[in-house]
């Protein structure tokens, strides 16, 4: 079966990056932020309960991560009774884009091609993934003309 390019392929990955000056997000903070993004919003208890069972992170640590994410501008907080309700302040795509750009800058000296070559050589791509990649590259080439 051959993959057919769609309009959503054209839009994939578009958008602006995070606002400059936003502090970096740690791996543990990213895990907590992803839970809030999945939930849409949540209290410390809800986020703590949503952690994978094999993750042994106590309630107070989750609360600390949520507060840090709010201070860094990744989450918004609303006081609800005696507790706080946390919700996304930044779209997950923007955070992902910033993380990838930072990774490319640090590991590949800002060069995208060596990273793509490394991924293609080290990971087995399915025929469907190759078709999607070719579609993206074709669209990129068309957009530049």
N, C-alpha and C. Protein backbone atom coordinates (compact mmCIF):
# COMPACT_ATOMS: atom_id res chain seq x y z
N UNK A 1 0.84 -1.18 0.00
CA UNK A 1 0.00 0.00 0.00
C UNK A 1 0.89 1.24 0.00
N UNK A 2 0.57 2.21 -0.83
CA UNK A 2 1.36 3.42 -0.97
C UNK A 2 0.68 4.56 -0.22
N UNK A 3 1.47 5.31 0.51
CA UNK A 3 0.94 6.45 1.25
C UNK A 3 0.61 7.57 0.29
N UNK A 4 -0.55 8.20 0.48
CA UNK A 4 -0.95 9.34 -0.35
C UNK A 4 -0.80 10.60 0.49
N UNK A 5 -0.11 11.59 -0.06
CA UNK A 5 0.07 12.86 0.63
C UNK A 5 -1.27 13.50 0.89
N UNK A 6 -1.39 14.13 2.06
CA UNK A 6 -2.62 14.83 2.42
C UNK A 6 -2.29 16.27 2.77
N UNK A 7 -3.33 17.08 2.91
CA UNK A 7 -3.15 18.49 3.29
C UNK A 7 -2.55 18.60 4.68
N UNK A 8 -2.88 17.67 5.58
CA UNK A 8 -2.31 17.74 6.93
C UNK A 8 -0.80 17.51 6.92
N UNK A 9 -0.29 16.79 5.91
CA UNK A 9 1.16 16.64 5.78
C UNK A 9 1.83 17.99 5.57
N UNK A 10 1.16 18.87 4.83
CA UNK A 10 1.70 20.19 4.55
C UNK A 10 1.81 21.02 5.83
N UNK A 11 0.82 20.86 6.71
CA UNK A 11 0.78 21.67 7.93
C UNK A 11 1.62 21.10 9.05
N UNK A 12 1.97 19.82 8.95
CA UNK A 12 2.73 19.17 10.00
C UNK A 12 4.03 19.92 10.26
N UNK A 13 4.26 20.25 11.53
CA UNK A 13 5.52 20.89 11.90
C UNK A 13 5.57 22.39 11.68
N UNK A 14 4.49 22.98 11.15
CA UNK A 14 4.50 24.43 10.98
C UNK A 14 4.13 25.09 12.29
N UNK A 15 4.45 26.36 12.40
CA UNK A 15 4.12 27.11 13.60
C UNK A 15 5.34 27.82 14.11
N UNK A 16 5.13 28.66 15.09
CA UNK A 16 6.26 29.41 15.63
C UNK A 16 6.84 28.70 16.83
N UNK A 17 8.07 28.96 17.10
CA UNK A 17 8.72 28.37 18.25
C UNK A 17 8.28 29.05 19.53
N UNK A 18 8.77 28.54 20.66
CA UNK A 18 8.42 29.14 21.94
C UNK A 18 9.01 30.53 22.01
N UNK A 19 8.43 31.32 22.88
CA UNK A 19 8.94 32.67 23.07
C UNK A 19 10.38 32.60 23.55
N UNK A 20 11.20 33.47 22.99
CA UNK A 20 12.60 33.49 23.40
C UNK A 20 12.69 33.89 24.87
N UNK A 21 13.67 33.33 25.53
CA UNK A 21 13.88 33.68 26.92
C UNK A 21 13.16 32.76 27.89
N UNK A 22 12.33 31.85 27.40
CA UNK A 22 11.66 30.90 28.30
C UNK A 22 12.72 29.94 28.81
N UNK A 23 12.75 29.71 30.13
CA UNK A 23 13.77 28.80 30.67
C UNK A 23 13.61 27.40 30.11
N UNK A 24 14.71 26.67 30.01
CA UNK A 24 14.63 25.30 29.48
C UNK A 24 13.83 24.41 30.43
N UNK A 25 13.33 23.32 29.87
CA UNK A 25 12.53 22.38 30.64
C UNK A 25 13.33 21.09 30.81
N UNK A 26 13.35 20.56 32.03
CA UNK A 26 14.10 19.34 32.29
C UNK A 26 13.29 18.13 31.84
N UNK A 27 13.94 16.99 31.78
CA UNK A 27 13.27 15.75 31.38
C UNK A 27 12.11 15.43 32.34
N UNK A 28 12.34 15.55 33.64
CA UNK A 28 11.29 15.27 34.63
C UNK A 28 10.14 16.27 34.51
N UNK A 29 10.48 17.54 34.30
CA UNK A 29 9.43 18.55 34.11
C UNK A 29 8.64 18.27 32.85
N UNK A 30 9.30 17.83 31.80
CA UNK A 30 8.61 17.50 30.55
C UNK A 30 7.63 16.35 30.77
N UNK A 31 8.03 15.36 31.53
CA UNK A 31 7.12 14.24 31.83
C UNK A 31 5.86 14.74 32.53
N UNK A 32 6.03 15.63 33.49
CA UNK A 32 4.88 16.18 34.22
C UNK A 32 4.03 17.06 33.30
N UNK A 33 4.68 17.89 32.50
CA UNK A 33 3.95 18.76 31.56
C UNK A 33 3.14 17.92 30.58
N UNK A 34 3.70 16.81 30.10
CA UNK A 34 2.99 15.94 29.16
C UNK A 34 1.72 15.37 29.79
N UNK A 35 1.78 15.07 31.06
CA UNK A 35 0.59 14.57 31.75
C UNK A 35 -0.48 15.65 31.80
N UNK A 36 -0.07 16.88 32.11
CA UNK A 36 -1.04 17.99 32.14
C UNK A 36 -1.62 18.21 30.75
N UNK A 37 -0.79 18.14 29.71
CA UNK A 37 -1.29 18.31 28.34
C UNK A 37 -2.29 17.22 28.00
N UNK A 38 -2.00 15.98 28.42
CA UNK A 38 -2.92 14.87 28.15
C UNK A 38 -4.24 15.03 28.92
N UNK A 39 -4.14 15.49 30.16
CA UNK A 39 -5.34 15.67 30.98
C UNK A 39 -6.13 16.91 30.56
N UNK A 40 -5.44 17.90 30.00
CA UNK A 40 -6.08 19.18 29.69
C UNK A 40 -5.93 20.16 30.84
N UNK A 41 -6.10 19.67 32.03
CA UNK A 41 -5.84 20.41 33.27
C UNK A 41 -5.87 19.39 34.40
N UNK A 42 -5.28 19.77 35.52
CA UNK A 42 -5.29 18.82 36.63
C UNK A 42 -4.69 19.40 37.90
N UNK A 43 -5.09 18.79 39.00
CA UNK A 43 -4.54 19.13 40.30
C UNK A 43 -3.27 18.33 40.52
N UNK A 44 -2.55 18.64 41.58
CA UNK A 44 -1.34 17.89 41.91
C UNK A 44 -1.70 16.41 42.06
N UNK A 45 -2.78 16.13 42.76
CA UNK A 45 -3.19 14.74 42.99
C UNK A 45 -3.50 14.03 41.67
N UNK A 46 -4.22 14.69 40.78
CA UNK A 46 -4.57 14.07 39.49
C UNK A 46 -3.32 13.78 38.66
N UNK A 47 -2.39 14.73 38.65
CA UNK A 47 -1.14 14.52 37.90
C UNK A 47 -0.33 13.39 38.54
N UNK A 48 -0.25 13.39 39.86
CA UNK A 48 0.48 12.34 40.58
C UNK A 48 -0.11 10.97 40.28
N UNK A 49 -1.43 10.86 40.28
CA UNK A 49 -2.09 9.58 40.01
C UNK A 49 -1.94 9.15 38.55
N UNK A 50 -1.72 10.09 37.66
CA UNK A 50 -1.57 9.78 36.23
C UNK A 50 -0.16 9.31 35.87
N UNK A 51 0.78 9.45 36.78
CA UNK A 51 2.13 8.97 36.51
C UNK A 51 2.12 7.45 36.32
N UNK A 52 3.01 6.94 35.46
CA UNK A 52 3.10 5.48 35.32
C UNK A 52 3.39 4.84 36.68
N UNK A 53 2.82 3.67 36.90
CA UNK A 53 2.94 2.99 38.21
C UNK A 53 4.39 2.70 38.59
N UNK A 54 5.26 2.50 37.59
CA UNK A 54 6.66 2.20 37.90
C UNK A 54 7.47 3.44 38.26
N UNK A 55 6.87 4.62 38.09
CA UNK A 55 7.56 5.88 38.46
C UNK A 55 7.29 6.16 39.93
N UNK A 56 8.33 6.13 40.71
CA UNK A 56 8.19 6.36 42.16
C UNK A 56 8.53 7.81 42.47
N UNK A 57 7.56 8.68 42.19
CA UNK A 57 7.72 10.11 42.47
C UNK A 57 6.66 10.47 43.49
N UNK A 58 7.08 11.08 44.60
CA UNK A 58 6.08 11.38 45.63
C UNK A 58 5.27 12.63 45.28
N UNK A 59 4.19 12.79 45.98
CA UNK A 59 3.23 13.88 45.78
C UNK A 59 3.92 15.24 45.81
N UNK A 60 4.80 15.43 46.79
CA UNK A 60 5.44 16.74 46.99
C UNK A 60 6.40 17.07 45.85
N UNK A 61 7.03 16.07 45.27
CA UNK A 61 7.92 16.29 44.13
C UNK A 61 7.10 16.71 42.91
N UNK A 62 5.95 16.06 42.70
CA UNK A 62 5.06 16.45 41.60
C UNK A 62 4.63 17.90 41.79
N UNK A 63 4.29 18.24 43.02
CA UNK A 63 3.88 19.62 43.30
C UNK A 63 5.01 20.61 42.98
N UNK A 64 6.23 20.25 43.33
CA UNK A 64 7.39 21.10 43.04
C UNK A 64 7.56 21.28 41.53
N UNK A 65 7.46 20.17 40.78
CA UNK A 65 7.58 20.26 39.32
C UNK A 65 6.49 21.15 38.73
N UNK A 66 5.26 20.99 39.20
CA UNK A 66 4.16 21.82 38.69
C UNK A 66 4.40 23.29 38.97
N UNK A 67 4.87 23.60 40.15
CA UNK A 67 5.18 25.01 40.50
C UNK A 67 6.30 25.56 39.62
N UNK A 68 7.33 24.75 39.39
CA UNK A 68 8.43 25.18 38.51
C UNK A 68 7.93 25.45 37.09
N UNK A 69 7.09 24.53 36.59
CA UNK A 69 6.55 24.69 35.24
C UNK A 69 5.69 25.95 35.14
N UNK A 70 4.98 26.26 36.19
CA UNK A 70 4.18 27.50 36.21
C UNK A 70 5.11 28.72 36.25
N UNK A 71 6.14 28.67 37.06
CA UNK A 71 7.09 29.78 37.16
C UNK A 71 7.83 30.00 35.85
N UNK A 72 8.12 28.94 35.13
CA UNK A 72 8.83 29.04 33.86
C UNK A 72 7.91 29.43 32.71
N UNK A 73 6.59 29.43 32.95
CA UNK A 73 5.65 29.85 31.93
C UNK A 73 5.09 28.74 31.06
N UNK A 74 5.32 27.50 31.44
CA UNK A 74 4.80 26.37 30.66
C UNK A 74 3.36 26.01 31.07
N UNK A 75 3.02 26.29 32.33
CA UNK A 75 1.68 26.01 32.83
C UNK A 75 1.06 27.26 33.44
N UNK A 76 -0.28 27.28 33.45
CA UNK A 76 -1.03 28.32 34.15
C UNK A 76 -1.62 27.66 35.39
N UNK A 77 -1.86 28.46 36.41
CA UNK A 77 -2.44 27.92 37.63
C UNK A 77 -3.68 28.73 38.01
N UNK A 78 -4.70 28.02 38.45
CA UNK A 78 -5.92 28.68 38.92
C UNK A 78 -6.23 28.09 40.29
N UNK A 79 -6.45 28.99 41.24
CA UNK A 79 -6.76 28.55 42.61
C UNK A 79 -8.19 28.03 42.64
N UNK A 80 -8.37 26.80 43.10
CA UNK A 80 -9.68 26.18 43.23
C UNK A 80 -9.81 25.71 44.68
N UNK A 81 -10.58 26.46 45.44
CA UNK A 81 -10.72 26.11 46.87
C UNK A 81 -9.38 26.19 47.56
N UNK A 82 -8.97 25.06 48.15
CA UNK A 82 -7.69 25.00 48.85
C UNK A 82 -6.55 24.52 47.96
N UNK A 83 -6.88 24.14 46.73
CA UNK A 83 -5.85 23.59 45.84
C UNK A 83 -5.67 24.41 44.59
N UNK A 84 -4.80 23.94 43.74
CA UNK A 84 -4.51 24.58 42.46
C UNK A 84 -4.87 23.65 41.31
N UNK A 85 -5.36 24.25 40.25
CA UNK A 85 -5.65 23.54 39.02
C UNK A 85 -4.66 24.04 37.98
N UNK A 86 -3.86 23.14 37.43
CA UNK A 86 -2.83 23.49 36.46
C UNK A 86 -3.32 23.17 35.06
N UNK A 87 -3.03 24.07 34.12
CA UNK A 87 -3.39 23.86 32.72
C UNK A 87 -2.27 24.39 31.83
N UNK A 88 -2.23 23.95 30.56
CA UNK A 88 -1.14 24.36 29.67
C UNK A 88 -1.16 25.87 29.40
N UNK A 89 0.01 26.46 29.41
CA UNK A 89 0.17 27.86 29.02
C UNK A 89 0.85 27.95 27.65
N UNK A 90 1.43 26.85 27.22
CA UNK A 90 2.16 26.77 25.96
C UNK A 90 1.69 25.50 25.24
N UNK A 91 1.52 25.61 23.93
CA UNK A 91 1.13 24.43 23.15
C UNK A 91 2.26 23.41 23.16
N UNK A 92 1.91 22.14 23.32
CA UNK A 92 2.96 21.10 23.33
C UNK A 92 3.85 21.14 22.10
N UNK A 93 3.29 21.45 20.94
CA UNK A 93 4.10 21.53 19.71
C UNK A 93 5.22 22.55 19.82
N UNK A 94 4.92 23.66 20.49
CA UNK A 94 5.95 24.70 20.64
C UNK A 94 7.08 24.23 21.54
N UNK A 95 6.73 23.51 22.59
CA UNK A 95 7.76 22.98 23.48
C UNK A 95 8.60 21.95 22.74
N UNK A 96 7.94 21.06 22.03
CA UNK A 96 8.66 20.04 21.25
C UNK A 96 9.58 20.69 20.23
N UNK A 97 9.08 21.70 19.54
CA UNK A 97 9.90 22.40 18.54
C UNK A 97 11.15 23.02 19.19
N UNK A 98 10.96 23.65 20.34
CA UNK A 98 12.10 24.27 21.03
C UNK A 98 13.10 23.22 21.50
N UNK A 99 12.60 22.09 22.00
CA UNK A 99 13.49 21.02 22.45
C UNK A 99 14.30 20.45 21.29
N UNK A 100 13.64 20.24 20.17
CA UNK A 100 14.33 19.70 18.99
C UNK A 100 15.35 20.70 18.46
N UNK A 101 14.96 21.97 18.39
CA UNK A 101 15.91 22.99 17.91
C UNK A 101 17.12 23.08 18.83
N UNK A 102 16.90 23.01 20.14
CA UNK A 102 18.00 23.05 21.09
C UNK A 102 18.90 21.82 20.90
N UNK A 103 18.29 20.66 20.73
CA UNK A 103 19.05 19.42 20.51
C UNK A 103 19.90 19.52 19.24
N UNK A 104 19.31 20.00 18.16
CA UNK A 104 20.04 20.15 16.89
C UNK A 104 21.20 21.12 17.07
N UNK A 105 20.97 22.21 17.77
CA UNK A 105 22.03 23.20 18.00
C UNK A 105 23.18 22.60 18.80
N UNK A 106 22.84 21.87 19.87
CA UNK A 106 23.88 21.33 20.76
C UNK A 106 24.60 20.13 20.17
N UNK A 107 23.87 19.21 19.56
CA UNK A 107 24.46 17.95 19.12
C UNK A 107 24.97 18.00 17.69
N UNK A 108 24.26 18.72 16.82
CA UNK A 108 24.61 18.73 15.40
C UNK A 108 25.04 20.11 14.92
N UNK A 109 25.44 20.96 15.86
CA UNK A 109 25.94 22.29 15.53
C UNK A 109 24.97 23.08 14.65
N UNK A 110 23.68 22.88 14.89
CA UNK A 110 22.66 23.63 14.16
C UNK A 110 22.33 23.10 12.78
N UNK A 111 22.97 22.00 12.38
CA UNK A 111 22.76 21.44 11.04
C UNK A 111 21.71 20.33 11.08
N UNK A 112 20.66 20.47 10.28
CA UNK A 112 19.57 19.50 10.26
C UNK A 112 19.94 18.24 9.47
N UNK A 113 20.60 18.39 8.34
CA UNK A 113 20.89 17.25 7.47
C UNK A 113 21.65 16.13 8.18
N UNK A 114 22.73 16.42 8.92
CA UNK A 114 23.42 15.32 9.61
C UNK A 114 22.51 14.59 10.60
N UNK A 115 21.60 15.31 11.24
CA UNK A 115 20.67 14.66 12.17
C UNK A 115 19.73 13.73 11.41
N UNK A 116 19.17 14.20 10.31
CA UNK A 116 18.26 13.38 9.51
C UNK A 116 19.00 12.16 8.97
N UNK A 117 20.21 12.36 8.48
CA UNK A 117 21.00 11.23 7.98
C UNK A 117 21.25 10.21 9.09
N UNK A 118 21.58 10.69 10.26
CA UNK A 118 21.82 9.81 11.39
C UNK A 118 20.56 8.99 11.72
N UNK A 119 19.42 9.64 11.75
CA UNK A 119 18.16 8.94 12.06
C UNK A 119 17.86 7.89 11.00
N UNK A 120 18.01 8.27 9.75
CA UNK A 120 17.72 7.35 8.65
C UNK A 120 18.66 6.14 8.69
N UNK A 121 19.93 6.38 9.00
CA UNK A 121 20.90 5.29 9.02
C UNK A 121 20.77 4.41 10.26
N UNK A 122 20.35 4.97 11.38
CA UNK A 122 20.36 4.20 12.63
C UNK A 122 19.01 3.59 12.98
N UNK A 123 17.94 4.07 12.41
CA UNK A 123 16.60 3.55 12.70
C UNK A 123 16.03 2.93 11.44
N UNK A 124 15.37 1.82 11.60
CA UNK A 124 14.73 1.19 10.45
C UNK A 124 13.41 1.89 10.18
N UNK A 125 13.29 2.53 9.04
CA UNK A 125 12.05 3.19 8.66
C UNK A 125 11.19 2.22 7.87
N UNK A 126 9.90 2.23 8.17
CA UNK A 126 8.97 1.39 7.42
C UNK A 126 8.75 2.03 6.05
N UNK A 127 8.19 1.25 5.13
CA UNK A 127 7.87 1.79 3.81
C UNK A 127 6.91 2.98 3.94
N UNK A 128 5.95 2.86 4.86
CA UNK A 128 4.99 3.95 5.07
C UNK A 128 5.69 5.21 5.58
N UNK A 129 6.64 5.04 6.49
CA UNK A 129 7.38 6.20 7.01
C UNK A 129 8.23 6.84 5.90
N UNK A 130 8.83 6.02 5.06
CA UNK A 130 9.62 6.55 3.94
C UNK A 130 8.73 7.32 2.98
N UNK A 131 7.54 6.78 2.69
CA UNK A 131 6.58 7.47 1.82
C UNK A 131 6.18 8.82 2.41
N UNK A 132 5.91 8.84 3.70
CA UNK A 132 5.52 10.09 4.37
C UNK A 132 6.67 11.10 4.33
N UNK A 133 7.89 10.62 4.56
CA UNK A 133 9.06 11.49 4.51
C UNK A 133 9.25 12.06 3.12
N UNK A 134 9.11 11.23 2.10
CA UNK A 134 9.23 11.70 0.72
C UNK A 134 8.15 12.73 0.40
N UNK A 135 6.96 12.51 0.91
CA UNK A 135 5.87 13.46 0.70
C UNK A 135 6.21 14.81 1.34
N UNK A 136 6.69 14.77 2.57
CA UNK A 136 7.08 16.01 3.26
C UNK A 136 8.18 16.74 2.48
N UNK A 137 9.17 16.01 2.01
CA UNK A 137 10.27 16.62 1.26
C UNK A 137 9.78 17.21 -0.06
N UNK A 138 8.88 16.52 -0.73
CA UNK A 138 8.31 17.05 -1.98
C UNK A 138 7.55 18.34 -1.72
N UNK A 139 6.77 18.35 -0.68
CA UNK A 139 6.00 19.56 -0.34
C UNK A 139 6.93 20.71 0.02
N UNK A 140 8.00 20.41 0.75
CA UNK A 140 8.97 21.43 1.11
C UNK A 140 9.60 22.02 -0.14
N UNK A 141 9.95 21.18 -1.08
CA UNK A 141 10.55 21.64 -2.34
C UNK A 141 9.55 22.50 -3.14
N UNK A 142 8.28 22.08 -3.17
CA UNK A 142 7.24 22.84 -3.89
C UNK A 142 7.04 24.21 -3.25
N UNK A 143 7.05 24.26 -1.92
CA UNK A 143 6.83 25.52 -1.21
C UNK A 143 7.94 26.53 -1.47
N UNK A 144 9.16 26.03 -1.72
CA UNK A 144 10.31 26.91 -1.95
C UNK A 144 10.32 27.48 -3.37
N UNK A 145 9.56 26.87 -4.28
CA UNK A 145 9.57 27.33 -5.68
C UNK A 145 8.51 28.36 -5.93
